[in-house]
PDB file of N, CA and C in Angstrom:
ATOM      1  N   THR A   1     -14.821  -6.004   0.590  1.00  0.00           N
ATOM      2  CA  THR A   1     -14.053  -4.858   0.230  1.00  0.00           C
ATOM      3  C   THR A   1     -14.779  -3.913   0.750  1.00  0.00           C
ATOM      4  N   VAL A   2     -13.722  -2.795   1.493  1.00  0.00           N
ATOM      5  CA  VAL A   2     -14.621  -1.765   2.073  1.00  0.00           C
ATOM      6  C   VAL A   2     -13.327  -0.493   1.692  1.00  0.00           C
ATOM      7  N   TRP A   3     -14.097   0.518   1.328  1.00  0.00           N
ATOM      8  CA  TRP A   3     -13.145   1.711   1.286  1.00  0.00           C
ATOM      9  C   TRP A   3     -13.810   2.921   1.732  1.00  0.00           C
ATOM     10  N   THR A   4     -12.775   4.096   2.029  1.00  0.00           N
ATOM     11  CA  THR A   4     -13.297   5.380   2.627  1.00  0.00           C
ATOM     12  C   THR A   4     -12.683   6.632   1.594  1.00  0.00           C
ATOM     13  N   GLN A   5     -13.337   7.170   1.321  1.00  0.00           N
ATOM     14  CA  GLN A   5     -13.228   8.720   0.631  1.00  0.00           C
ATOM     15  C   GLN A   5     -13.073   9.612   1.519  1.00  0.00           C
ATOM     16  N   TYR A   6     -11.955  10.376   1.042  1.00  0.00           N
ATOM     17  CA  TYR A   6     -11.429  11.774   1.765  1.00  0.00           C
ATOM     18  C   TYR A   6     -11.635  12.950   0.844  1.00  0.00           C
ATOM     19  N   GLU A   7     -11.215  13.884   1.503  1.00  0.00           N
ATOM     20  CA  GLU A   7     -11.146  15.165   0.217  1.00  0.00           C
ATOM     21  C   GLU A   7     -10.268  15.046  -0.716  1.00  0.00           C
ATOM     22  N   ASN A   8      -9.156  14.379  -0.592  1.00  0.00           N
ATOM     23  CA  ASN A   8      -8.266  14.276  -1.458  1.00  0.00           C
ATOM     24  C   ASN A   8      -7.819  13.229  -2.045  1.00  0.00           C
ATOM     25  N   GLY A   9      -8.744  12.031  -1.640  1.00  0.00           N
ATOM     26  CA  GLY A   9      -8.027  10.571  -1.910  1.00  0.00           C
ATOM     27  C   GLY A   9      -9.094   9.556  -1.253  1.00  0.00           C
ATOM     28  N   VAL A  10      -8.893   8.273  -1.692  1.00  0.00           N
ATOM     29  CA  VAL A  10      -9.810   7.184  -1.183  1.00  0.00           C
ATOM     30  C   VAL A  10      -8.624   6.038  -0.888  1.00  0.00           C
ATOM     31  N   GLY A  11      -9.099   5.092   0.101  1.00  0.00           N
ATOM     32  CA  GLY A  11      -8.460   3.922   0.463  1.00  0.00           C
ATOM     33  C   GLY A  11      -9.211   3.038   0.891  1.00  0.00           C
ATOM     34  N   GLY A  12      -8.878   1.848   1.092  1.00  0.00           N
ATOM     35  CA  GLY A  12      -9.479   0.634   1.688  1.00  0.00           C
ATOM     36  C   GLY A  12      -8.936  -0.543   1.986  1.00  0.00           C
ATOM     37  N   ALA A  13      -9.801  -1.372   2.118  1.00  0.00           N
ATOM     38  CA  ALA A  13      -9.175  -3.100   2.670  1.00  0.00           C
ATOM     39  C   ALA A  13      -9.803  -3.985   2.064  1.00  0.00           C
ATOM     40  N   SER A  14      -9.700  -5.202   2.189  1.00  0.00           N
ATOM     41  CA  SER A  14     -10.477  -6.226   2.107  1.00  0.00           C
ATOM     42  C   SER A  14      -9.960  -7.622   2.911  1.00  0.00           C
ATOM     43  N   ALA A  15     -11.113  -8.326   2.647  1.00  0.00           N
ATOM     44  CA  ALA A  15     -10.653  -9.692   2.906  1.00  0.00           C
ATOM     45  C   ALA A  15     -11.100 -10.837   2.308  1.00  0.00           C
ATOM     46  N   SER A  16     -10.550 -11.896   2.632  1.00  0.00           N
ATOM     47  CA  SER A  16     -11.051 -13.499   1.976  1.00  0.00           C
ATOM     48  C   SER A  16     -11.649 -14.452   2.689  1.00  0.00           C
ATOM     49  N   GLY A  17     -12.633 -14.667   2.249  1.00  0.00           N
ATOM     50  CA  GLY A  17     -13.651 -15.762   2.994  1.00  0.00           C
ATOM     51  C   GLY A  17     -13.369 -17.140   2.775  1.00  0.00           C
ATOM     52  N   THR A  18     -13.871 -17.692   3.603  1.00  0.00           N
ATOM     53  CA  THR A  18     -13.913 -19.311   3.061  1.00  0.00           C
ATOM     54  C   THR A  18     -15.101 -19.762   3.634  1.00  0.00           C
ATOM     55  N   ARG A  19     -15.642 -21.154   2.912  1.00  0.00           N
ATOM     56  CA  ARG A  19     -17.364 -21.343   3.118  1.00  0.00           C
ATOM     57  C   ARG A  19     -17.699 -21.521   4.909  1.00  0.00           C
ATOM     58  N   THR A  20     -16.752 -21.935   5.657  1.00  0.00           N
ATOM     59  CA  THR A  20     -16.805 -21.605   7.227  1.00  0.00           C
ATOM     60  C   THR A  20     -16.733 -20.472   7.787  1.00  0.00           C
ATOM     61  N   LEU A  21     -16.634 -19.289   7.074  1.00  0.00           N
ATOM     62  CA  LEU A  21     -16.614 -18.059   7.734  1.00  0.00           C
ATOM     63  C   LEU A  21     -17.640 -17.131   7.526  1.00  0.00           C
ATOM     64  N   ARG A  22     -18.231 -16.890   8.417  1.00  0.00           N
ATOM     65  CA  ARG A  22     -19.639 -15.944   8.364  1.00  0.00           C
ATOM     66  C   ARG A  22     -19.450 -14.641   7.787  1.00  0.00           C
ATOM     67  N   ALA A  23     -20.514 -14.273   7.061  1.00  0.00           N
ATOM     68  CA  ALA A  23     -20.437 -13.050   6.260  1.00  0.00           C
ATOM     69  C   ALA A  23     -19.940 -11.702   7.466  1.00  0.00           C
ATOM     70  N   GLU A  24     -20.448 -11.997   8.664  1.00  0.00           N
ATOM     71  CA  GLU A  24     -20.138 -10.916   9.782  1.00  0.00           C
ATOM     72  C   GLU A  24     -18.709 -10.980  10.014  1.00  0.00           C
ATOM     73  N   GLN A  25     -18.163 -12.344  10.116  1.00  0.00           N
ATOM     74  CA  GLN A  25     -16.583 -12.490  10.271  1.00  0.00           C
ATOM     75  C   GLN A  25     -15.629 -11.778   9.492  1.00  0.00           C
ATOM     76  N   LEU A  26     -16.288 -12.231   8.043  1.00  0.00           N
ATOM     77  CA  LEU A  26     -15.176 -11.497   6.979  1.00  0.00           C
ATOM     78  C   LEU A  26     -15.715 -10.023   6.924  1.00  0.00           C
ATOM     79  N   ALA A  27     -16.751  -9.225   7.092  1.00  0.00           N
ATOM     80  CA  ALA A  27     -16.924  -7.679   6.993  1.00  0.00           C
ATOM     81  C   ALA A  27     -16.032  -7.268   7.886  1.00  0.00           C
ATOM     82  N   HIS A  28     -15.912  -7.920   9.518  1.00  0.00           N
ATOM     83  CA  HIS A  28     -15.110  -7.270  10.294  1.00  0.00           C
ATOM     84  C   HIS A  28     -13.715  -7.440   9.983  1.00  0.00           C
ATOM     85  N   ALA A  29     -13.292  -8.246   9.612  1.00  0.00           N
ATOM     86  CA  ALA A  29     -11.821  -8.577   9.130  1.00  0.00           C
ATOM     87  C   ALA A  29     -11.631  -7.401   8.009  1.00  0.00           C
ATOM     88  N   ALA A  30     -12.523  -7.336   7.314  1.00  0.00           N
ATOM     89  CA  ALA A  30     -12.080  -6.024   6.308  1.00  0.00           C
ATOM     90  C   ALA A  30     -12.102  -4.710   6.970  1.00  0.00           C
ATOM     91  N   PHE A  31     -13.213  -4.610   7.865  1.00  0.00           N
ATOM     92  CA  PHE A  31     -12.943  -3.238   7.919  1.00  0.00           C
ATOM     93  C   PHE A  31     -11.935  -3.014   9.412  1.00  0.00           C
ATOM     94  N   GLU A  32     -11.484  -4.118  10.005  1.00  0.00           N
ATOM     95  CA  GLU A  32     -10.175  -4.213  10.810  1.00  0.00           C
ATOM     96  C   GLU A  32      -8.947  -3.500   9.782  1.00  0.00           C
ATOM     97  N   ARG A  33      -8.940  -4.213   9.040  1.00  0.00           N
ATOM     98  CA  ARG A  33      -7.739  -3.911   7.890  1.00  0.00           C
ATOM     99  C   ARG A  33      -7.848  -2.452   7.681  1.00  0.00           C
ATOM    100  N   CYS A  34      -9.223  -1.875   7.230  1.00  0.00           N
ATOM    101  CA  CYS A  34      -9.360  -0.534   6.857  1.00  0.00           C
ATOM    102  C   CYS A  34      -8.823   0.322   8.130  1.00  0.00           C
ATOM    103  N   PHE A  35      -9.301  -0.106   9.223  1.00  0.00           N
ATOM    104  CA  PHE A  35      -8.975   0.731  10.402  1.00  0.00           C
ATOM    105  C   PHE A  35      -7.654   0.868  10.853  1.00  0.00           C
ATOM    106  N   GLU A  36      -6.948  -0.237  10.513  1.00  0.00           N
ATOM    107  CA  GLU A  36      -5.502  -0.262  10.788  1.00  0.00           C
ATOM    108  C   GLU A  36      -4.776   0.314   9.662  1.00  0.00           C
ATOM    109  N   TRP A  37      -5.286   0.916   8.761  1.00  0.00           N
ATOM    110  CA  TRP A  37      -4.531   1.823   7.648  1.00  0.00           C
ATOM    111  C   TRP A  37      -4.842   3.354   8.140  1.00  0.00           C
ATOM    112  N   MET A  38      -6.274   3.582   8.931  1.00  0.00           N
ATOM    113  CA  MET A  38      -6.687   4.724   8.980  1.00  0.00           C
ATOM    114  C   MET A  38      -6.150   4.982  10.189  1.00  0.00           C
ATOM    115  N   THR A  39      -5.726   4.653  10.975  1.00  0.00           N
ATOM    116  CA  THR A  39      -5.214   4.915  12.476  1.00  0.00           C
ATOM    117  C   THR A  39      -3.549   5.168  12.160  1.00  0.00           C
ATOM    118  N   THR A  40      -2.845   4.857  10.831  1.00  0.00           N
ATOM    119  CA  THR A  40      -1.558   5.331  11.166  1.00  0.00           C
ATOM    120  C   THR A  40      -1.076   6.901  10.121  1.00  0.00           C
ATOM    121  N   GLU A  41      -0.036   7.119  10.095  1.00  0.00           N
ATOM    122  CA  GLU A  41       0.084   8.144   9.342  1.00  0.00           C
ATOM    123  C   GLU A  41       0.330   7.853   7.895  1.00  0.00           C
ATOM    124  N   ALA A  42       0.027   6.898   7.422  1.00  0.00           N
ATOM    125  CA  ALA A  42       0.290   6.253   5.996  1.00  0.00           C
ATOM    126  C   ALA A  42      -0.767   7.163   5.127  1.00  0.00           C
ATOM    127  N   SER A  43      -0.029   7.586   4.083  1.00  0.00           N
ATOM    128  CA  SER A  43      -1.040   7.991   3.009  1.00  0.00           C
ATOM    129  C   SER A  43      -1.848   7.240   2.141  1.00  0.00           C
ATOM    130  N   LEU A  44      -0.955   6.261   1.999  1.00  0.00           N
ATOM    131  CA  LEU A  44      -1.607   4.952   1.170  1.00  0.00           C
ATOM    132  C   LEU A  44      -1.776   3.761   1.723  1.00  0.00           C
ATOM    133  N   ASP A  45      -2.791   3.184   1.228  1.00  0.00           N
ATOM    134  CA  ASP A  45      -3.014   1.539   1.974  1.00  0.00           C
ATOM    135  C   ASP A  45      -1.881   0.701   0.717  1.00  0.00           C
ATOM    136  N   PRO A  46      -1.839  -0.691   1.489  1.00  0.00           N
ATOM    137  CA  PRO A  46      -1.035  -1.509   0.631  1.00  0.00           C
ATOM    138  C   PRO A  46      -1.195  -1.588  -1.113  1.00  0.00           C
ATOM    139  N   ILE A  47      -2.602  -1.513  -1.120  1.00  0.00           N
ATOM    140  CA  ILE A  47      -2.780  -1.889  -2.670  1.00  0.00           C
ATOM    141  C   ILE A  47      -2.637  -0.587  -3.511  1.00  0.00           C
ATOM    142  N   ALA A  48      -3.106   0.387  -2.901  1.00  0.00           N
ATOM    143  CA  ALA A  48      -2.805   2.004  -3.686  1.00  0.00           C
ATOM    144  C   ALA A  48      -1.362   2.241  -3.583  1.00  0.00           C
ATOM    145  N   ALA A  49      -0.581   1.646  -2.646  1.00  0.00           N
ATOM    146  CA  ALA A  49       1.149   1.981  -2.813  1.00  0.00           C
ATOM    147  C   ALA A  49       1.495   1.108  -4.113  1.00  0.00           C
ATOM    148  N   GLU A  50       1.028   0.064  -4.078  1.00  0.00           N
ATOM    149  CA  GLU A  50       1.352  -0.672  -5.308  1.00  0.00           C
ATOM    150  C   GLU A  50       0.833  -0.181  -6.602  1.00  0.00           C
ATOM    151  N   HIS A  51      -0.156   0.303  -6.789  1.00  0.00           N
ATOM    152  CA  HIS A  51      -0.841   1.025  -7.767  1.00  0.00           C
ATOM    153  C   HIS A  51      -0.160   2.635  -8.189  1.00  0.00           C
ATOM    154  N   ALA A  52       0.443   3.071  -7.205  1.00  0.00           N
ATOM    155  CA  ALA A  52       1.059   4.332  -7.011  1.00  0.00           C
ATOM    156  C   ALA A  52       2.722   4.586  -7.556  1.00  0.00           C
ATOM    157  N   LEU A  53       3.270   3.170  -7.303  1.00  0.00           N
ATOM    158  CA  LEU A  53       4.730   2.794  -7.593  1.00  0.00           C
ATOM    159  C   LEU A  53       5.179   3.485  -8.818  1.00  0.00           C
ATOM    160  N   LEU A  54       4.558   2.591  -9.961  1.00  0.00           N
ATOM    161  CA  LEU A  54       5.020   2.841 -11.515  1.00  0.00           C
ATOM    162  C   LEU A  54       5.009   4.201 -11.928  1.00  0.00           C
ATOM    163  N   PRO A  55       3.860   4.998 -11.426  1.00  0.00           N
ATOM    164  CA  PRO A  55       3.792   6.218 -12.102  1.00  0.00           C
ATOM    165  C   PRO A  55       4.669   7.142 -11.083  1.00  0.00           C
ATOM    166  N   ALA A  56       5.118   7.000  -9.677  1.00  0.00           N
ATOM    167  CA  ALA A  56       6.169   7.463  -9.300  1.00  0.00           C
ATOM    168  C   ALA A  56       7.713   7.588 -10.057  1.00  0.00           C
ATOM    169  N   CYS A  57       7.719   6.008 -10.374  1.00  0.00           N
ATOM    170  CA  CYS A  57       8.962   6.069 -11.237  1.00  0.00           C
ATOM    171  C   CYS A  57       8.991   6.639 -12.362  1.00  0.00           C
ATOM    172  N   LEU A  58       7.992   6.650 -13.080  1.00  0.00           N
ATOM    173  CA  LEU A  58       7.996   7.457 -14.637  1.00  0.00           C
ATOM    174  C   LEU A  58       7.677   9.104 -14.264  1.00  0.00           C
ATOM    175  N   ALA A  59       7.477   9.618 -13.315  1.00  0.00           N
ATOM    176  CA  ALA A  59       7.524  11.008 -12.814  1.00  0.00           C
ATOM    177  C   ALA A  59       8.880  11.727 -12.903  1.00  0.00           C
ATOM    178  N   THR A  60       8.876  12.828 -13.649  1.00  0.00           N
ATOM    179  CA  THR A  60      10.241  13.737 -13.944  1.00  0.00           C
ATOM    180  C   THR A  60      10.572  14.100 -12.132  1.00  0.00           C
ATOM    181  N   GLU A  61       9.535  14.247 -11.319  1.00  0.00           N
ATOM    182  CA  GLU A  61      10.026  14.953  -9.945  1.00  0.00           C
ATOM    183  C   GLU A  61       9.968  13.763  -8.908  1.00  0.00           C
ATOM    184  N   SER A  62      10.887  14.184  -8.031  1.00  0.00           N
ATOM    185  CA  SER A  62      10.952  13.011  -6.800  1.00  0.00           C
ATOM    186  C   SER A  62       9.787  12.780  -6.271  1.00  0.00           C
ATOM    187  N   SER A  63       9.204  11.592  -5.769  1.00  0.00           N
ATOM    188  CA  SER A  63       7.900  11.335  -4.919  1.00  0.00           C
ATOM    189  C   SER A  63       8.340  10.530  -3.536  1.00  0.00           C
ATOM    190  N   GLU A  64       7.505  10.878  -2.716  1.00  0.00           N
ATOM    191  CA  GLU A  64       7.286  10.319  -1.170  1.00  0.00           C
ATOM    192  C   GLU A  64       6.135  10.087  -0.932  1.00  0.00           C
ATOM    193  N   PHE A  65       5.923   8.775  -0.330  1.00  0.00           N
ATOM    194  CA  PHE A  65       4.834   8.399   0.511  1.00  0.00           C
ATOM    195  C   PHE A  65       5.100   7.520   1.803  1.00  0.00           C
ATOM    196  N   LYS A  66       3.926   7.583   2.211  1.00  0.00           N
ATOM    197  CA  LYS A  66       4.134   6.451   3.448  1.00  0.00           C
ATOM    198  C   LYS A  66       2.889   5.639   3.388  1.00  0.00           C
ATOM    199  N   VAL A  67       3.151   4.447   3.554  1.00  0.00           N
ATOM    200  CA  VAL A  67       2.431   3.377   3.259  1.00  0.00           C
ATOM    201  C   VAL A  67       2.082   2.344   4.664  1.00  0.00           C
ATOM    202  N   SER A  68       1.174   1.912   4.759  1.00  0.00           N
ATOM    203  CA  SER A  68       0.836   1.332   6.378  1.00  0.00           C
ATOM    204  C   SER A  68       1.243  -0.383   6.229  1.00  0.00           C
ATOM    205  N   GLU A  69       1.415  -0.792   5.302  1.00  0.00           N
ATOM    206  CA  GLU A  69       2.242  -1.900   5.289  1.00  0.00           C
ATOM    207  C   GLU A  69       2.735  -2.271   4.087  1.00  0.00           C
ATOM    208  N   LEU A  70       4.240  -2.551   4.141  1.00  0.00           N
ATOM    209  CA  LEU A  70       4.880  -3.405   3.071  1.00  0.00           C
ATOM    210  C   LEU A  70       5.017  -4.613   3.125  1.00  0.00           C
ATOM    211  N   THR A  71       4.020  -4.633   1.736  1.00  0.00           N
ATOM    212  CA  THR A  71       3.621  -6.218   1.841  1.00  0.00           C
ATOM    213  C   THR A  71       4.895  -7.095   0.792  1.00  0.00           C
ATOM    214  N   SER A  72       4.984  -8.170   0.681  1.00  0.00           N
ATOM    215  CA  SER A  72       5.868  -8.663   0.219  1.00  0.00           C
ATOM    216  C   SER A  72       5.566  -8.481  -1.718  1.00  0.00           C
ATOM    217  N   ARG A  73       4.244  -8.405  -2.044  1.00  0.00           N
ATOM    218  CA  ARG A  73       3.937  -8.067  -3.384  1.00  0.00           C
ATOM    219  C   ARG A  73       4.665  -6.777  -3.923  1.00  0.00           C
ATOM    220  N   PHE A  74       4.577  -5.682  -2.739  1.00  0.00           N
ATOM    221  CA  PHE A  74       4.969  -4.094  -3.087  1.00  0.00           C
ATOM    222  C   PHE A  74       6.626  -4.087  -3.043  1.00  0.00           C
ATOM    223  N   LEU A  75       6.959  -5.158  -2.207  1.00  0.00           N
ATOM    224  CA  LEU A  75       8.644  -5.076  -2.157  1.00  0.00           C
ATOM    225  C   LEU A  75       9.191  -5.845  -3.498  1.00  0.00           C
ATOM    226  N   THR A  76       8.529  -6.768  -4.068  1.00  0.00           N
ATOM    227  CA  THR A  76       9.011  -7.469  -5.192  1.00  0.00           C
ATOM    228  C   THR A  76       8.650  -6.673  -6.444  1.00  0.00           C
ATOM    229  N   ALA A  77       7.554  -5.936  -6.207  1.00  0.00           N
ATOM    230  CA  ALA A  77       7.381  -4.707  -7.473  1.00  0.00           C
ATOM    231  C   ALA A  77       8.586  -3.926  -7.527  1.00  0.00           C
ATOM    232  N   ILE A  78       8.972  -3.403  -6.318  1.00  0.00           N
ATOM    233  CA  ILE A  78      10.103  -2.354  -6.242  1.00  0.00           C
ATOM    234  C   ILE A  78      11.689  -3.167  -6.709  1.00  0.00           C
ATOM    235  N   TRP A  79      11.690  -4.259  -6.557  1.00  0.00           N
ATOM    236  CA  TRP A  79      13.156  -5.171  -6.984  1.00  0.00           C
ATOM    237  C   TRP A  79      12.982  -5.424  -8.563  1.00  0.00           C
ATOM    238  N   VAL A  80      11.581  -5.482  -9.115  1.00  0.00           N
ATOM    239  CA  VAL A  80      11.658  -5.708 -10.522  1.00  0.00           C
ATOM    240  C   VAL A  80      11.800  -4.343 -11.271  1.00  0.00           C
ATOM    241  N   ILE A  81      11.185  -3.253 -10.904  1.00  0.00           N
ATOM    242  CA  ILE A  81      11.403  -2.372 -11.283  1.00  0.00           C
ATOM    243  C   ILE A  81      12.775  -1.950 -11.419  1.00  0.00           C
ATOM    244  N   LYS A  82      13.576  -1.977 -10.111  1.00  0.00           N
ATOM    245  CA  LYS A  82      15.028  -1.751 -10.187  1.00  0.00           C
ATOM    246  C   LYS A  82      15.683  -2.415 -11.276  1.00  0.00           C
ATOM    247  N   GLN A  83      15.628  -3.745 -11.649  1.00  0.00           N
ATOM    248  CA  GLN A  83      15.963  -4.335 -12.695  1.00  0.00           C
ATOM    249  C   GLN A  83      16.070  -3.858 -14.102  1.00  0.00           C
ATOM    250  N   PHE A  84      15.068  -3.205 -14.058  1.00  0.00           N
ATOM    251  CA  PHE A  84      15.066  -2.670 -15.601  1.00  0.00           C
ATOM    252  C   PHE A  84      15.168  -0.682 -15.533  1.00  0.00           C
ATOM    253  N   SER A  85      14.951  -0.357 -14.507  1.00  0.00           N
ATOM    254  CA  SER A  85      15.020   1.187 -14.702  1.00  0.00           C
ATOM    255  C   SER A  85      16.249   1.609 -13.804  1.00  0.00           C
ATOM    256  N   PRO A  86      16.726   2.948 -14.071  1.00  0.00           N
ATOM    257  CA  PRO A  86      17.707   3.480 -13.349  1.00  0.00           C
ATOM    258  C   PRO A  86      17.269   4.279 -12.005  1.00  0.00           C
ATOM    259  N   VAL A  87      16.058   4.190 -11.689  1.00  0.00           N
ATOM    260  CA  VAL A  87      15.335   4.836 -10.611  1.00  0.00           C
ATOM    261  C   VAL A  87      15.732   4.374  -9.383  1.00  0.00           C
ATOM    262  N   ARG A  88      16.229   5.372  -8.848  1.00  0.00           N
ATOM    263  CA  ARG A  88      16.375   5.261  -6.938  1.00  0.00           C
ATOM    264  C   ARG A  88      15.019   5.098  -6.296  1.00  0.00           C
ATOM    265  N   ILE A  89      14.905   3.923  -5.567  1.00  0.00           N
ATOM    266  CA  ILE A  89      13.943   3.776  -4.662  1.00  0.00           C
ATOM    267  C   ILE A  89      14.397   3.573  -3.130  1.00  0.00           C
ATOM    268  N   THR A  90      13.902   4.282  -2.540  1.00  0.00           N
ATOM    269  CA  THR A  90      14.360   3.892  -0.962  1.00  0.00           C
ATOM    270  C   THR A  90      13.201   3.506  -0.137  1.00  0.00           C
ATOM    271  N   VAL A  91      13.390   2.697   0.372  1.00  0.00           N
ATOM    272  CA  VAL A  91      12.238   2.234   1.548  1.00  0.00           C
ATOM    273  C   VAL A  91      13.173   1.953   2.941  1.00  0.00           C
ATOM    274  N   LYS A  92      12.275   2.836   3.933  1.00  0.00           N
ATOM    275  CA  LYS A  92      12.550   2.693   5.339  1.00  0.00           C
ATOM    276  C   LYS A  92      11.180   2.044   5.602  1.00  0.00           C
ATOM    277  N   GLY A  93      11.536   0.855   6.531  1.00  0.00           N
ATOM    278  CA  GLY A  93      10.834   0.083   7.407  1.00  0.00           C
ATOM    279  C   GLY A  93      11.152  -1.287   6.860  1.00  0.00           C
ATOM    280  N   SER A  94      10.326  -2.424   7.493  1.00  0.00           N
ATOM    281  CA  SER A  94      10.370  -3.647   7.009  1.00  0.00           C
ATOM    282  C   SER A  94       9.264  -4.445   6.499  1.00  0.00           C
ATOM    283  N   GLN A  95       9.081  -5.423   6.022  1.00  0.00           N
ATOM    284  CA  GLN A  95       8.028  -6.433   5.589  1.00  0.00           C
ATOM    285  C   GLN A  95       7.044  -6.323   6.671  1.00  0.00           C
ATOM    286  N   GLY A  96       5.674  -6.353   6.296  1.00  0.00           N
ATOM    287  CA  GLY A  96       4.530  -6.408   7.179  1.00  0.00           C
ATOM    288  C   GLY A  96       4.491  -4.978   8.064  1.00  0.00           C
ATOM    289  N   GLY A  97       5.286  -3.958   8.038  1.00  0.00           N
ATOM    290  CA  GLY A  97       5.317  -2.991   8.873  1.00  0.00           C
ATOM    291  C   GLY A  97       5.091  -1.874   8.343  1.00  0.00           C
ATOM    292  N   PHE A  98       5.058  -0.457   8.906  1.00  0.00           N
ATOM    293  CA  PHE A  98       4.882   0.846   8.121  1.00  0.00           C
ATOM    294  C   PHE A  98       6.191   1.150   7.096  1.00  0.00           C
ATOM    295  N   GLY A  99       5.890   1.684   6.225  1.00  0.00           N
ATOM    296  CA  GLY A  99       7.126   2.129   5.733  1.00  0.00           C
ATOM    297  C   GLY A  99       6.809   3.920   5.109  1.00  0.00           C
ATOM    298  N   HIS A 100       8.160   4.234   5.015  1.00  0.00           N
ATOM    299  CA  HIS A 100       8.421   5.337   3.826  1.00  0.00           C
ATOM    300  C   HIS A 100       9.083   5.081   3.051  1.00  0.00           C
ATOM    301  N   VAL A 101       8.583   5.539   1.740  1.00  0.00           N
ATOM    302  CA  VAL A 101       9.064   5.336   0.490  1.00  0.00           C
ATOM    303  C   VAL A 101       9.384   6.634  -0.566  1.00  0.00           C
ATOM    304  N   SER A 102      10.409   6.655  -0.991  1.00  0.00           N
ATOM    305  CA  SER A 102      11.176   8.020  -1.859  1.00  0.00           C
ATOM    306  C   SER A 102      11.572   7.366  -2.849  1.00  0.00           C
ATOM    307  N   VAL A 103      11.079   7.865  -3.710  1.00  0.00           N
ATOM    308  CA  VAL A 103      11.506   7.826  -5.434  1.00  0.00           C
ATOM    309  C   VAL A 103      11.844   8.735  -5.971  1.00  0.00           C
ATOM    310  N   SER A 104      13.318   8.543  -6.856  1.00  0.00           N
ATOM    311  CA  SER A 104      13.986   9.662  -7.583  1.00  0.00           C
ATOM    312  C   SER A 104      14.677   9.108  -8.824  1.00  0.00           C
ATOM    313  N   ARG A 105      14.833  10.132  -9.659  1.00  0.00           N
ATOM    314  CA  ARG A 105      15.914   9.886 -10.656  1.00  0.00           C
ATOM    315  C   ARG A 105      17.157  10.011 -10.564  1.00  0.00           C
TER     316      ARG A 105
END
């Protein structure tokens, strides 16, 4: 896992290894994922977007954020929230790519 710290927040990325994968290759993969996020216009990495989704749904005001990758976990979380809440969540983008998310009541 690698992370970056900015004036107004943090972001990061991780990679999973196997017995045959050298530590250098694992670190390189994690840095690649982090760099991919850093070179986009995204305000959140995929993990941070998952963590920000529920608070955005509970907020009294509208929320918007950009995420560097729309993961299946993130899109599933949106589906689950919509089953139990009247919140309106709009996603522009497709799975595996950059996304813009709007949340409102």
